PDBML (XML) file of the C-alpha atoms, coordinates in Angstrom:
<?xml version="1.0" encoding="UTF-8" ?>
<PDBx:datablock datablockName="MODEL"
   xmlns:PDBx="http://pdbml.pdb.org/schema/pdbx-v50.xsd"
   xmlns:xsi="http://www.w3.org/2001/XMLSchema-instance"
   xsi:schemaLocation="http://pdbml.pdb.org/schema/pdbx-v50.xsd pdbx-v50.xsd">
   <PDBx:atom_siteCategory>
      <PDBx:atom_site id="1">
         <PDBx:B_iso_or_equiv>0.00</PDBx:B_iso_or_equiv>
         <PDBx:Cartn_x>-0.001</PDBx:Cartn_x>
         <PDBx:Cartn_y>0.000</PDBx:Cartn_y>
         <PDBx:Cartn_z>0.001</PDBx:Cartn_z>
         <PDBx:auth_asym_id>A</PDBx:auth_asym_id>
         <PDBx:auth_atom_id>CA</PDBx:auth_atom_id>
         <PDBx:auth_comp_id>THR</PDBx:auth_comp_id>
         <PDBx:auth_seq_id>1</PDBx:auth_seq_id>
         <PDBx:group_PDB>ATOM</PDBx:group_PDB>
         <PDBx:label_alt_id xsi:nil="true" />
         <PDBx:label_asym_id>A</PDBx:label_asym_id>
         <PDBx:label_atom_id>CA</PDBx:label_atom_id>
         <PDBx:label_comp_id>THR</PDBx:label_comp_id>
         <PDBx:label_entity_id>1</PDBx:label_entity_id>
         <PDBx:label_seq_id>1</PDBx:label_seq_id>
         <PDBx:occupancy>1.00</PDBx:occupancy>
         <PDBx:pdbx_PDB_model_num>1</PDBx:pdbx_PDB_model_num>
         <PDBx:type_symbol>C</PDBx:type_symbol>
      </PDBx:atom_site>
      <PDBx:atom_site id="2">
         <PDBx:B_iso_or_equiv>0.00</PDBx:B_iso_or_equiv>
         <PDBx:Cartn_x>2.816</PDBx:Cartn_x>
         <PDBx:Cartn_y>2.388</PDBx:Cartn_y>
         <PDBx:Cartn_z>0.920</PDBx:Cartn_z>
         <PDBx:auth_asym_id>A</PDBx:auth_asym_id>
         <PDBx:auth_atom_id>CA</PDBx:auth_atom_id>
         <PDBx:auth_comp_id>TRP</PDBx:auth_comp_id>
         <PDBx:auth_seq_id>2</PDBx:auth_seq_id>
         <PDBx:group_PDB>ATOM</PDBx:group_PDB>
         <PDBx:label_alt_id xsi:nil="true" />
         <PDBx:label_asym_id>A</PDBx:label_asym_id>
         <PDBx:label_atom_id>CA</PDBx:label_atom_id>
         <PDBx:label_comp_id>TRP</PDBx:label_comp_id>
         <PDBx:label_entity_id>1</PDBx:label_entity_id>
         <PDBx:label_seq_id>2</PDBx:label_seq_id>
         <PDBx:occupancy>1.00</PDBx:occupancy>
         <PDBx:pdbx_PDB_model_num>1</PDBx:pdbx_PDB_model_num>
         <PDBx:type_symbol>C</PDBx:type_symbol>
      </PDBx:atom_site>
      <PDBx:atom_site id="3">
         <PDBx:B_iso_or_equiv>0.00</PDBx:B_iso_or_equiv>
         <PDBx:Cartn_x>4.726</PDBx:Cartn_x>
         <PDBx:Cartn_y>1.552</PDBx:Cartn_y>
         <PDBx:Cartn_z>-2.271</PDBx:Cartn_z>
         <PDBx:auth_asym_id>A</PDBx:auth_asym_id>
         <PDBx:auth_atom_id>CA</PDBx:auth_atom_id>
         <PDBx:auth_comp_id>TYR</PDBx:auth_comp_id>
         <PDBx:auth_seq_id>3</PDBx:auth_seq_id>
         <PDBx:group_PDB>ATOM</PDBx:group_PDB>
         <PDBx:label_alt_id xsi:nil="true" />
         <PDBx:label_asym_id>A</PDBx:label_asym_id>
         <PDBx:label_atom_id>CA</PDBx:label_atom_id>
         <PDBx:label_comp_id>TYR</PDBx:label_comp_id>
         <PDBx:label_entity_id>1</PDBx:label_entity_id>
         <PDBx:label_seq_id>3</PDBx:label_seq_id>
         <PDBx:occupancy>1.00</PDBx:occupancy>
         <PDBx:pdbx_PDB_model_num>1</PDBx:pdbx_PDB_model_num>
         <PDBx:type_symbol>C</PDBx:type_symbol>
      </PDBx:atom_site>
      <PDBx:atom_site id="4">
         <PDBx:B_iso_or_equiv>0.00</PDBx:B_iso_or_equiv>
         <PDBx:Cartn_x>1.802</PDBx:Cartn_x>
         <PDBx:Cartn_y>2.232</PDBx:Cartn_y>
         <PDBx:Cartn_z>-4.614</PDBx:Cartn_z>
         <PDBx:auth_asym_id>A</PDBx:auth_asym_id>
         <PDBx:auth_atom_id>CA</PDBx:auth_atom_id>
         <PDBx:auth_comp_id>TYR</PDBx:auth_comp_id>
         <PDBx:auth_seq_id>4</PDBx:auth_seq_id>
         <PDBx:group_PDB>ATOM</PDBx:group_PDB>
         <PDBx:label_alt_id xsi:nil="true" />
         <PDBx:label_asym_id>A</PDBx:label_asym_id>
         <PDBx:label_atom_id>CA</PDBx:label_atom_id>
         <PDBx:label_comp_id>TYR</PDBx:label_comp_id>
         <PDBx:label_entity_id>1</PDBx:label_entity_id>
         <PDBx:label_seq_id>4</PDBx:label_seq_id>
         <PDBx:occupancy>1.00</PDBx:occupancy>
         <PDBx:pdbx_PDB_model_num>1</PDBx:pdbx_PDB_model_num>
         <PDBx:type_symbol>C</PDBx:type_symbol>
      </PDBx:atom_site>
      <PDBx:atom_site id="5">
         <PDBx:B_iso_or_equiv>0.00</PDBx:B_iso_or_equiv>
         <PDBx:Cartn_x>1.048</PDBx:Cartn_x>
         <PDBx:Cartn_y>5.524</PDBx:Cartn_y>
         <PDBx:Cartn_z>-2.873</PDBx:Cartn_z>
         <PDBx:auth_asym_id>A</PDBx:auth_asym_id>
         <PDBx:auth_atom_id>CA</PDBx:auth_atom_id>
         <PDBx:auth_comp_id>GLY</PDBx:auth_comp_id>
         <PDBx:auth_seq_id>5</PDBx:auth_seq_id>
         <PDBx:group_PDB>ATOM</PDBx:group_PDB>
         <PDBx:label_alt_id xsi:nil="true" />
         <PDBx:label_asym_id>A</PDBx:label_asym_id>
         <PDBx:label_atom_id>CA</PDBx:label_atom_id>
         <PDBx:label_comp_id>GLY</PDBx:label_comp_id>
         <PDBx:label_entity_id>1</PDBx:label_entity_id>
         <PDBx:label_seq_id>5</PDBx:label_seq_id>
         <PDBx:occupancy>1.00</PDBx:occupancy>
         <PDBx:pdbx_PDB_model_num>1</PDBx:pdbx_PDB_model_num>
         <PDBx:type_symbol>C</PDBx:type_symbol>
      </PDBx:atom_site>
      <PDBx:atom_site id="6">
         <PDBx:B_iso_or_equiv>0.00</PDBx:B_iso_or_equiv>
         <PDBx:Cartn_x>4.667</PDBx:Cartn_x>
         <PDBx:Cartn_y>6.657</PDBx:Cartn_y>
         <PDBx:Cartn_z>-2.844</PDBx:Cartn_z>
         <PDBx:auth_asym_id>A</PDBx:auth_asym_id>
         <PDBx:auth_atom_id>CA</PDBx:auth_atom_id>
         <PDBx:auth_comp_id>ALA</PDBx:auth_comp_id>
         <PDBx:auth_seq_id>6</PDBx:auth_seq_id>
         <PDBx:group_PDB>ATOM</PDBx:group_PDB>
         <PDBx:label_alt_id xsi:nil="true" />
         <PDBx:label_asym_id>A</PDBx:label_asym_id>
         <PDBx:label_atom_id>CA</PDBx:label_atom_id>
         <PDBx:label_comp_id>ALA</PDBx:label_comp_id>
         <PDBx:label_entity_id>1</PDBx:label_entity_id>
         <PDBx:label_seq_id>6</PDBx:label_seq_id>
         <PDBx:occupancy>1.00</PDBx:occupancy>
         <PDBx:pdbx_PDB_model_num>1</PDBx:pdbx_PDB_model_num>
         <PDBx:type_symbol>C</PDBx:type_symbol>
      </PDBx:atom_site>
      <PDBx:atom_site id="7">
         <PDBx:B_iso_or_equiv>0.00</PDBx:B_iso_or_equiv>
         <PDBx:Cartn_x>5.362</PDBx:Cartn_x>
         <PDBx:Cartn_y>5.803</PDBx:Cartn_y>
         <PDBx:Cartn_z>-6.493</PDBx:Cartn_z>
         <PDBx:auth_asym_id>A</PDBx:auth_asym_id>
         <PDBx:auth_atom_id>CA</PDBx:auth_atom_id>
         <PDBx:auth_comp_id>VAL</PDBx:auth_comp_id>
         <PDBx:auth_seq_id>7</PDBx:auth_seq_id>
         <PDBx:group_PDB>ATOM</PDBx:group_PDB>
         <PDBx:label_alt_id xsi:nil="true" />
         <PDBx:label_asym_id>A</PDBx:label_asym_id>
         <PDBx:label_atom_id>CA</PDBx:label_atom_id>
         <PDBx:label_comp_id>VAL</PDBx:label_comp_id>
         <PDBx:label_entity_id>1</PDBx:label_entity_id>
         <PDBx:label_seq_id>7</PDBx:label_seq_id>
         <PDBx:occupancy>1.00</PDBx:occupancy>
         <PDBx:pdbx_PDB_model_num>1</PDBx:pdbx_PDB_model_num>
         <PDBx:type_symbol>C</PDBx:type_symbol>
      </PDBx:atom_site>
      <PDBx:atom_site id="8">
         <PDBx:B_iso_or_equiv>0.00</PDBx:B_iso_or_equiv>
         <PDBx:Cartn_x>2.103</PDBx:Cartn_x>
         <PDBx:Cartn_y>7.484</PDBx:Cartn_y>
         <PDBx:Cartn_z>-7.518</PDBx:Cartn_z>
         <PDBx:auth_asym_id>A</PDBx:auth_asym_id>
         <PDBx:auth_atom_id>CA</PDBx:auth_atom_id>
         <PDBx:auth_comp_id>GLY</PDBx:auth_comp_id>
         <PDBx:auth_seq_id>8</PDBx:auth_seq_id>
         <PDBx:group_PDB>ATOM</PDBx:group_PDB>
         <PDBx:label_alt_id xsi:nil="true" />
         <PDBx:label_asym_id>A</PDBx:label_asym_id>
         <PDBx:label_atom_id>CA</PDBx:label_atom_id>
         <PDBx:label_comp_id>GLY</PDBx:label_comp_id>
         <PDBx:label_entity_id>1</PDBx:label_entity_id>
         <PDBx:label_seq_id>8</PDBx:label_seq_id>
         <PDBx:occupancy>1.00</PDBx:occupancy>
         <PDBx:pdbx_PDB_model_num>1</PDBx:pdbx_PDB_model_num>
         <PDBx:type_symbol>C</PDBx:type_symbol>
      </PDBx:atom_site>
      <PDBx:atom_site id="9">
         <PDBx:B_iso_or_equiv>0.00</PDBx:B_iso_or_equiv>
         <PDBx:Cartn_x>3.007</PDBx:Cartn_x>
         <PDBx:Cartn_y>10.624</PDBx:Cartn_y>
         <PDBx:Cartn_z>-5.585</PDBx:Cartn_z>
         <PDBx:auth_asym_id>A</PDBx:auth_asym_id>
         <PDBx:auth_atom_id>CA</PDBx:auth_atom_id>
         <PDBx:auth_comp_id>GLU</PDBx:auth_comp_id>
         <PDBx:auth_seq_id>9</PDBx:auth_seq_id>
         <PDBx:group_PDB>ATOM</PDBx:group_PDB>
         <PDBx:label_alt_id xsi:nil="true" />
         <PDBx:label_asym_id>A</PDBx:label_asym_id>
         <PDBx:label_atom_id>CA</PDBx:label_atom_id>
         <PDBx:label_comp_id>GLU</PDBx:label_comp_id>
         <PDBx:label_entity_id>1</PDBx:label_entity_id>
         <PDBx:label_seq_id>9</PDBx:label_seq_id>
         <PDBx:occupancy>1.00</PDBx:occupancy>
         <PDBx:pdbx_PDB_model_num>1</PDBx:pdbx_PDB_model_num>
         <PDBx:type_symbol>C</PDBx:type_symbol>
      </PDBx:atom_site>
      <PDBx:atom_site id="10">
         <PDBx:B_iso_or_equiv>0.00</PDBx:B_iso_or_equiv>
         <PDBx:Cartn_x>6.504</PDBx:Cartn_x>
         <PDBx:Cartn_y>10.681</PDBx:Cartn_y>
         <PDBx:Cartn_z>-7.083</PDBx:Cartn_z>
         <PDBx:auth_asym_id>A</PDBx:auth_asym_id>
         <PDBx:auth_atom_id>CA</PDBx:auth_atom_id>
         <PDBx:auth_comp_id>LEU</PDBx:auth_comp_id>
         <PDBx:auth_seq_id>10</PDBx:auth_seq_id>
         <PDBx:group_PDB>ATOM</PDBx:group_PDB>
         <PDBx:label_alt_id xsi:nil="true" />
         <PDBx:label_asym_id>A</PDBx:label_asym_id>
         <PDBx:label_atom_id>CA</PDBx:label_atom_id>
         <PDBx:label_comp_id>LEU</PDBx:label_comp_id>
         <PDBx:label_entity_id>1</PDBx:label_entity_id>
         <PDBx:label_seq_id>10</PDBx:label_seq_id>
         <PDBx:occupancy>1.00</PDBx:occupancy>
         <PDBx:pdbx_PDB_model_num>1</PDBx:pdbx_PDB_model_num>
         <PDBx:type_symbol>C</PDBx:type_symbol>
      </PDBx:atom_site>
      <PDBx:atom_site id="11">
         <PDBx:B_iso_or_equiv>0.00</PDBx:B_iso_or_equiv>
         <PDBx:Cartn_x>5.245</PDBx:Cartn_x>
         <PDBx:Cartn_y>10.184</PDBx:Cartn_y>
         <PDBx:Cartn_z>-10.639</PDBx:Cartn_z>
         <PDBx:auth_asym_id>A</PDBx:auth_asym_id>
         <PDBx:auth_atom_id>CA</PDBx:auth_atom_id>
         <PDBx:auth_comp_id>ALA</PDBx:auth_comp_id>
         <PDBx:auth_seq_id>11</PDBx:auth_seq_id>
         <PDBx:group_PDB>ATOM</PDBx:group_PDB>
         <PDBx:label_alt_id xsi:nil="true" />
         <PDBx:label_asym_id>A</PDBx:label_asym_id>
         <PDBx:label_atom_id>CA</PDBx:label_atom_id>
         <PDBx:label_comp_id>ALA</PDBx:label_comp_id>
         <PDBx:label_entity_id>1</PDBx:label_entity_id>
         <PDBx:label_seq_id>11</PDBx:label_seq_id>
         <PDBx:occupancy>1.00</PDBx:occupancy>
         <PDBx:pdbx_PDB_model_num>1</PDBx:pdbx_PDB_model_num>
         <PDBx:type_symbol>C</PDBx:type_symbol>
      </PDBx:atom_site>
      <PDBx:atom_site id="12">
         <PDBx:B_iso_or_equiv>0.00</PDBx:B_iso_or_equiv>
         <PDBx:Cartn_x>2.592</PDBx:Cartn_x>
         <PDBx:Cartn_y>12.881</PDBx:Cartn_y>
         <PDBx:Cartn_z>-10.247</PDBx:Cartn_z>
         <PDBx:auth_asym_id>A</PDBx:auth_asym_id>
         <PDBx:auth_atom_id>CA</PDBx:auth_atom_id>
         <PDBx:auth_comp_id>ALA</PDBx:auth_comp_id>
         <PDBx:auth_seq_id>12</PDBx:auth_seq_id>
         <PDBx:group_PDB>ATOM</PDBx:group_PDB>
         <PDBx:label_alt_id xsi:nil="true" />
         <PDBx:label_asym_id>A</PDBx:label_asym_id>
         <PDBx:label_atom_id>CA</PDBx:label_atom_id>
         <PDBx:label_comp_id>ALA</PDBx:label_comp_id>
         <PDBx:label_entity_id>1</PDBx:label_entity_id>
         <PDBx:label_seq_id>12</PDBx:label_seq_id>
         <PDBx:occupancy>1.00</PDBx:occupancy>
         <PDBx:pdbx_PDB_model_num>1</PDBx:pdbx_PDB_model_num>
         <PDBx:type_symbol>C</PDBx:type_symbol>
      </PDBx:atom_site>
      <PDBx:atom_site id="13">
         <PDBx:B_iso_or_equiv>0.00</PDBx:B_iso_or_equiv>
         <PDBx:Cartn_x>5.081</PDBx:Cartn_x>
         <PDBx:Cartn_y>15.356</PDBx:Cartn_y>
         <PDBx:Cartn_z>-8.767</PDBx:Cartn_z>
         <PDBx:auth_asym_id>A</PDBx:auth_asym_id>
         <PDBx:auth_atom_id>CA</PDBx:auth_atom_id>
         <PDBx:auth_comp_id>THR</PDBx:auth_comp_id>
         <PDBx:auth_seq_id>13</PDBx:auth_seq_id>
         <PDBx:group_PDB>ATOM</PDBx:group_PDB>
         <PDBx:label_alt_id xsi:nil="true" />
         <PDBx:label_asym_id>A</PDBx:label_asym_id>
         <PDBx:label_atom_id>CA</PDBx:label_atom_id>
         <PDBx:label_comp_id>THR</PDBx:label_comp_id>
         <PDBx:label_entity_id>1</PDBx:label_entity_id>
         <PDBx:label_seq_id>13</PDBx:label_seq_id>
         <PDBx:occupancy>1.00</PDBx:occupancy>
         <PDBx:pdbx_PDB_model_num>1</PDBx:pdbx_PDB_model_num>
         <PDBx:type_symbol>C</PDBx:type_symbol>
      </PDBx:atom_site>
      <PDBx:atom_site id="14">
         <PDBx:B_iso_or_equiv>0.00</PDBx:B_iso_or_equiv>
         <PDBx:Cartn_x>7.589</PDBx:Cartn_x>
         <PDBx:Cartn_y>14.785</PDBx:Cartn_y>
         <PDBx:Cartn_z>-11.553</PDBx:Cartn_z>
         <PDBx:auth_asym_id>A</PDBx:auth_asym_id>
         <PDBx:auth_atom_id>CA</PDBx:auth_atom_id>
         <PDBx:auth_comp_id>LEU</PDBx:auth_comp_id>
         <PDBx:auth_seq_id>14</PDBx:auth_seq_id>
         <PDBx:group_PDB>ATOM</PDBx:group_PDB>
         <PDBx:label_alt_id xsi:nil="true" />
         <PDBx:label_asym_id>A</PDBx:label_asym_id>
         <PDBx:label_atom_id>CA</PDBx:label_atom_id>
         <PDBx:label_comp_id>LEU</PDBx:label_comp_id>
         <PDBx:label_entity_id>1</PDBx:label_entity_id>
         <PDBx:label_seq_id>14</PDBx:label_seq_id>
         <PDBx:occupancy>1.00</PDBx:occupancy>
         <PDBx:pdbx_PDB_model_num>1</PDBx:pdbx_PDB_model_num>
         <PDBx:type_symbol>C</PDBx:type_symbol>
      </PDBx:atom_site>
      <PDBx:atom_site id="15">
         <PDBx:B_iso_or_equiv>0.00</PDBx:B_iso_or_equiv>
         <PDBx:Cartn_x>4.904</PDBx:Cartn_x>
         <PDBx:Cartn_y>15.051</PDBx:Cartn_y>
         <PDBx:Cartn_z>-14.246</PDBx:Cartn_z>
         <PDBx:auth_asym_id>A</PDBx:auth_asym_id>
         <PDBx:auth_atom_id>CA</PDBx:auth_atom_id>
         <PDBx:auth_comp_id>ALA</PDBx:auth_comp_id>
         <PDBx:auth_seq_id>15</PDBx:auth_seq_id>
         <PDBx:group_PDB>ATOM</PDBx:group_PDB>
         <PDBx:label_alt_id xsi:nil="true" />
         <PDBx:label_asym_id>A</PDBx:label_asym_id>
         <PDBx:label_atom_id>CA</PDBx:label_atom_id>
         <PDBx:label_comp_id>ALA</PDBx:label_comp_id>
         <PDBx:label_entity_id>1</PDBx:label_entity_id>
         <PDBx:label_seq_id>15</PDBx:label_seq_id>
         <PDBx:occupancy>1.00</PDBx:occupancy>
         <PDBx:pdbx_PDB_model_num>1</PDBx:pdbx_PDB_model_num>
         <PDBx:type_symbol>C</PDBx:type_symbol>
      </PDBx:atom_site>
      <PDBx:atom_site id="16">
         <PDBx:B_iso_or_equiv>0.00</PDBx:B_iso_or_equiv>
         <PDBx:Cartn_x>3.524</PDBx:Cartn_x>
         <PDBx:Cartn_y>18.279</PDBx:Cartn_y>
         <PDBx:Cartn_z>-12.757</PDBx:Cartn_z>
         <PDBx:auth_asym_id>A</PDBx:auth_asym_id>
         <PDBx:auth_atom_id>CA</PDBx:auth_atom_id>
         <PDBx:auth_comp_id>ALA</PDBx:auth_comp_id>
         <PDBx:auth_seq_id>16</PDBx:auth_seq_id>
         <PDBx:group_PDB>ATOM</PDBx:group_PDB>
         <PDBx:label_alt_id xsi:nil="true" />
         <PDBx:label_asym_id>A</PDBx:label_asym_id>
         <PDBx:label_atom_id>CA</PDBx:label_atom_id>
         <PDBx:label_comp_id>ALA</PDBx:label_comp_id>
         <PDBx:label_entity_id>1</PDBx:label_entity_id>
         <PDBx:label_seq_id>16</PDBx:label_seq_id>
         <PDBx:occupancy>1.00</PDBx:occupancy>
         <PDBx:pdbx_PDB_model_num>1</PDBx:pdbx_PDB_model_num>
         <PDBx:type_symbol>C</PDBx:type_symbol>
      </PDBx:atom_site>
      <PDBx:atom_site id="17">
         <PDBx:B_iso_or_equiv>0.00</PDBx:B_iso_or_equiv>
         <PDBx:Cartn_x>7.031</PDBx:Cartn_x>
         <PDBx:Cartn_y>19.763</PDBx:Cartn_y>
         <PDBx:Cartn_z>-12.797</PDBx:Cartn_z>
         <PDBx:auth_asym_id>A</PDBx:auth_asym_id>
         <PDBx:auth_atom_id>CA</PDBx:auth_atom_id>
         <PDBx:auth_comp_id>GLN</PDBx:auth_comp_id>
         <PDBx:auth_seq_id>17</PDBx:auth_seq_id>
         <PDBx:group_PDB>ATOM</PDBx:group_PDB>
         <PDBx:label_alt_id xsi:nil="true" />
         <PDBx:label_asym_id>A</PDBx:label_asym_id>
         <PDBx:label_atom_id>CA</PDBx:label_atom_id>
         <PDBx:label_comp_id>GLN</PDBx:label_comp_id>
         <PDBx:label_entity_id>1</PDBx:label_entity_id>
         <PDBx:label_seq_id>17</PDBx:label_seq_id>
         <PDBx:occupancy>1.00</PDBx:occupancy>
         <PDBx:pdbx_PDB_model_num>1</PDBx:pdbx_PDB_model_num>
         <PDBx:type_symbol>C</PDBx:type_symbol>
      </PDBx:atom_site>
      <PDBx:atom_site id="18">
         <PDBx:B_iso_or_equiv>0.00</PDBx:B_iso_or_equiv>
         <PDBx:Cartn_x>7.766</PDBx:Cartn_x>
         <PDBx:Cartn_y>18.482</PDBx:Cartn_y>
         <PDBx:Cartn_z>-16.327</PDBx:Cartn_z>
         <PDBx:auth_asym_id>A</PDBx:auth_asym_id>
         <PDBx:auth_atom_id>CA</PDBx:auth_atom_id>
         <PDBx:auth_comp_id>ASP</PDBx:auth_comp_id>
         <PDBx:auth_seq_id>18</PDBx:auth_seq_id>
         <PDBx:group_PDB>ATOM</PDBx:group_PDB>
         <PDBx:label_alt_id xsi:nil="true" />
         <PDBx:label_asym_id>A</PDBx:label_asym_id>
         <PDBx:label_atom_id>CA</PDBx:label_atom_id>
         <PDBx:label_comp_id>ASP</PDBx:label_comp_id>
         <PDBx:label_entity_id>1</PDBx:label_entity_id>
         <PDBx:label_seq_id>18</PDBx:label_seq_id>
         <PDBx:occupancy>1.00</PDBx:occupancy>
         <PDBx:pdbx_PDB_model_num>1</PDBx:pdbx_PDB_model_num>
         <PDBx:type_symbol>C</PDBx:type_symbol>
      </PDBx:atom_site>
      <PDBx:atom_site id="19">
         <PDBx:B_iso_or_equiv>0.00</PDBx:B_iso_or_equiv>
         <PDBx:Cartn_x>10.652</PDBx:Cartn_x>
         <PDBx:Cartn_y>16.287</PDBx:Cartn_y>
         <PDBx:Cartn_z>-15.145</PDBx:Cartn_z>
         <PDBx:auth_asym_id>A</PDBx:auth_asym_id>
         <PDBx:auth_atom_id>CA</PDBx:auth_atom_id>
         <PDBx:auth_comp_id>ILE</PDBx:auth_comp_id>
         <PDBx:auth_seq_id>19</PDBx:auth_seq_id>
         <PDBx:group_PDB>ATOM</PDBx:group_PDB>
         <PDBx:label_alt_id xsi:nil="true" />
         <PDBx:label_asym_id>A</PDBx:label_asym_id>
         <PDBx:label_atom_id>CA</PDBx:label_atom_id>
         <PDBx:label_comp_id>ILE</PDBx:label_comp_id>
         <PDBx:label_entity_id>1</PDBx:label_entity_id>
         <PDBx:label_seq_id>19</PDBx:label_seq_id>
         <PDBx:occupancy>1.00</PDBx:occupancy>
         <PDBx:pdbx_PDB_model_num>1</PDBx:pdbx_PDB_model_num>
         <PDBx:type_symbol>C</PDBx:type_symbol>
      </PDBx:atom_site>
      <PDBx:atom_site id="20">
         <PDBx:B_iso_or_equiv>0.00</PDBx:B_iso_or_equiv>
         <PDBx:Cartn_x>11.196</PDBx:Cartn_x>
         <PDBx:Cartn_y>13.044</PDBx:Cartn_y>
         <PDBx:Cartn_z>-17.043</PDBx:Cartn_z>
         <PDBx:auth_asym_id>A</PDBx:auth_asym_id>
         <PDBx:auth_atom_id>CA</PDBx:auth_atom_id>
         <PDBx:auth_comp_id>ALA</PDBx:auth_comp_id>
         <PDBx:auth_seq_id>20</PDBx:auth_seq_id>
         <PDBx:group_PDB>ATOM</PDBx:group_PDB>
         <PDBx:label_alt_id xsi:nil="true" />
         <PDBx:label_asym_id>A</PDBx:label_asym_id>
         <PDBx:label_atom_id>CA</PDBx:label_atom_id>
         <PDBx:label_comp_id>ALA</PDBx:label_comp_id>
         <PDBx:label_entity_id>1</PDBx:label_entity_id>
         <PDBx:label_seq_id>20</PDBx:label_seq_id>
         <PDBx:occupancy>1.00</PDBx:occupancy>
         <PDBx:pdbx_PDB_model_num>1</PDBx:pdbx_PDB_model_num>
         <PDBx:type_symbol>C</PDBx:type_symbol>
      </PDBx:atom_site>
      <PDBx:atom_site id="21">
         <PDBx:B_iso_or_equiv>0.00</PDBx:B_iso_or_equiv>
         <PDBx:Cartn_x>12.710</PDBx:Cartn_x>
         <PDBx:Cartn_y>10.133</PDBx:Cartn_y>
         <PDBx:Cartn_z>-15.098</PDBx:Cartn_z>
         <PDBx:auth_asym_id>A</PDBx:auth_asym_id>
         <PDBx:auth_atom_id>CA</PDBx:auth_atom_id>
         <PDBx:auth_comp_id>PRO</PDBx:auth_comp_id>
         <PDBx:auth_seq_id>21</PDBx:auth_seq_id>
         <PDBx:group_PDB>ATOM</PDBx:group_PDB>
         <PDBx:label_alt_id xsi:nil="true" />
         <PDBx:label_asym_id>A</PDBx:label_asym_id>
         <PDBx:label_atom_id>CA</PDBx:label_atom_id>
         <PDBx:label_comp_id>PRO</PDBx:label_comp_id>
         <PDBx:label_entity_id>1</PDBx:label_entity_id>
         <PDBx:label_seq_id>21</PDBx:label_seq_id>
         <PDBx:occupancy>1.00</PDBx:occupancy>
         <PDBx:pdbx_PDB_model_num>1</PDBx:pdbx_PDB_model_num>
         <PDBx:type_symbol>C</PDBx:type_symbol>
      </PDBx:atom_site>
      <PDBx:atom_site id="22">
         <PDBx:B_iso_or_equiv>0.00</PDBx:B_iso_or_equiv>
         <PDBx:Cartn_x>15.913</PDBx:Cartn_x>
         <PDBx:Cartn_y>8.767</PDBx:Cartn_y>
         <PDBx:Cartn_z>-16.630</PDBx:Cartn_z>
         <PDBx:auth_asym_id>A</PDBx:auth_asym_id>
         <PDBx:auth_atom_id>CA</PDBx:auth_atom_id>
         <PDBx:auth_comp_id>THR</PDBx:auth_comp_id>
         <PDBx:auth_seq_id>22</PDBx:auth_seq_id>
         <PDBx:group_PDB>ATOM</PDBx:group_PDB>
         <PDBx:label_alt_id xsi:nil="true" />
         <PDBx:label_asym_id>A</PDBx:label_asym_id>
         <PDBx:label_atom_id>CA</PDBx:label_atom_id>
         <PDBx:label_comp_id>THR</PDBx:label_comp_id>
         <PDBx:label_entity_id>1</PDBx:label_entity_id>
         <PDBx:label_seq_id>22</PDBx:label_seq_id>
         <PDBx:occupancy>1.00</PDBx:occupancy>
         <PDBx:pdbx_PDB_model_num>1</PDBx:pdbx_PDB_model_num>
         <PDBx:type_symbol>C</PDBx:type_symbol>
      </PDBx:atom_site>
      <PDBx:atom_site id="23">
         <PDBx:B_iso_or_equiv>0.00</PDBx:B_iso_or_equiv>
         <PDBx:Cartn_x>15.074</PDBx:Cartn_x>
         <PDBx:Cartn_y>5.186</PDBx:Cartn_y>
         <PDBx:Cartn_z>-15.665</PDBx:Cartn_z>
         <PDBx:auth_asym_id>A</PDBx:auth_asym_id>
         <PDBx:auth_atom_id>CA</PDBx:auth_atom_id>
         <PDBx:auth_comp_id>GLY</PDBx:auth_comp_id>
         <PDBx:auth_seq_id>23</PDBx:auth_seq_id>
         <PDBx:group_PDB>ATOM</PDBx:group_PDB>
         <PDBx:label_alt_id xsi:nil="true" />
         <PDBx:label_asym_id>A</PDBx:label_asym_id>
         <PDBx:label_atom_id>CA</PDBx:label_atom_id>
         <PDBx:label_comp_id>GLY</PDBx:label_comp_id>
         <PDBx:label_entity_id>1</PDBx:label_entity_id>
         <PDBx:label_seq_id>23</PDBx:label_seq_id>
         <PDBx:occupancy>1.00</PDBx:occupancy>
         <PDBx:pdbx_PDB_model_num>1</PDBx:pdbx_PDB_model_num>
         <PDBx:type_symbol>C</PDBx:type_symbol>
      </PDBx:atom_site>
      <PDBx:atom_site id="24">
         <PDBx:B_iso_or_equiv>0.00</PDBx:B_iso_or_equiv>
         <PDBx:Cartn_x>12.562</PDBx:Cartn_x>
         <PDBx:Cartn_y>2.974</PDBx:Cartn_y>
         <PDBx:Cartn_z>-13.887</PDBx:Cartn_z>
         <PDBx:auth_asym_id>A</PDBx:auth_asym_id>
         <PDBx:auth_atom_id>CA</PDBx:auth_atom_id>
         <PDBx:auth_comp_id>PRO</PDBx:auth_comp_id>
         <PDBx:auth_seq_id>24</PDBx:auth_seq_id>
         <PDBx:group_PDB>ATOM</PDBx:group_PDB>
         <PDBx:label_alt_id xsi:nil="true" />
         <PDBx:label_asym_id>A</PDBx:label_asym_id>
         <PDBx:label_atom_id>CA</PDBx:label_atom_id>
         <PDBx:label_comp_id>PRO</PDBx:label_comp_id>
         <PDBx:label_entity_id>1</PDBx:label_entity_id>
         <PDBx:label_seq_id>24</PDBx:label_seq_id>
         <PDBx:occupancy>1.00</PDBx:occupancy>
         <PDBx:pdbx_PDB_model_num>1</PDBx:pdbx_PDB_model_num>
         <PDBx:type_symbol>C</PDBx:type_symbol>
      </PDBx:atom_site>
   </PDBx:atom_siteCategory>
</PDBx:datablock>
């Protein structure tokens, strides 16, 4: 549960700030 929430929050934050991850 923690993992899914944390990854979702990270992905949303990066997307909102127009930052593309460089890996998985």
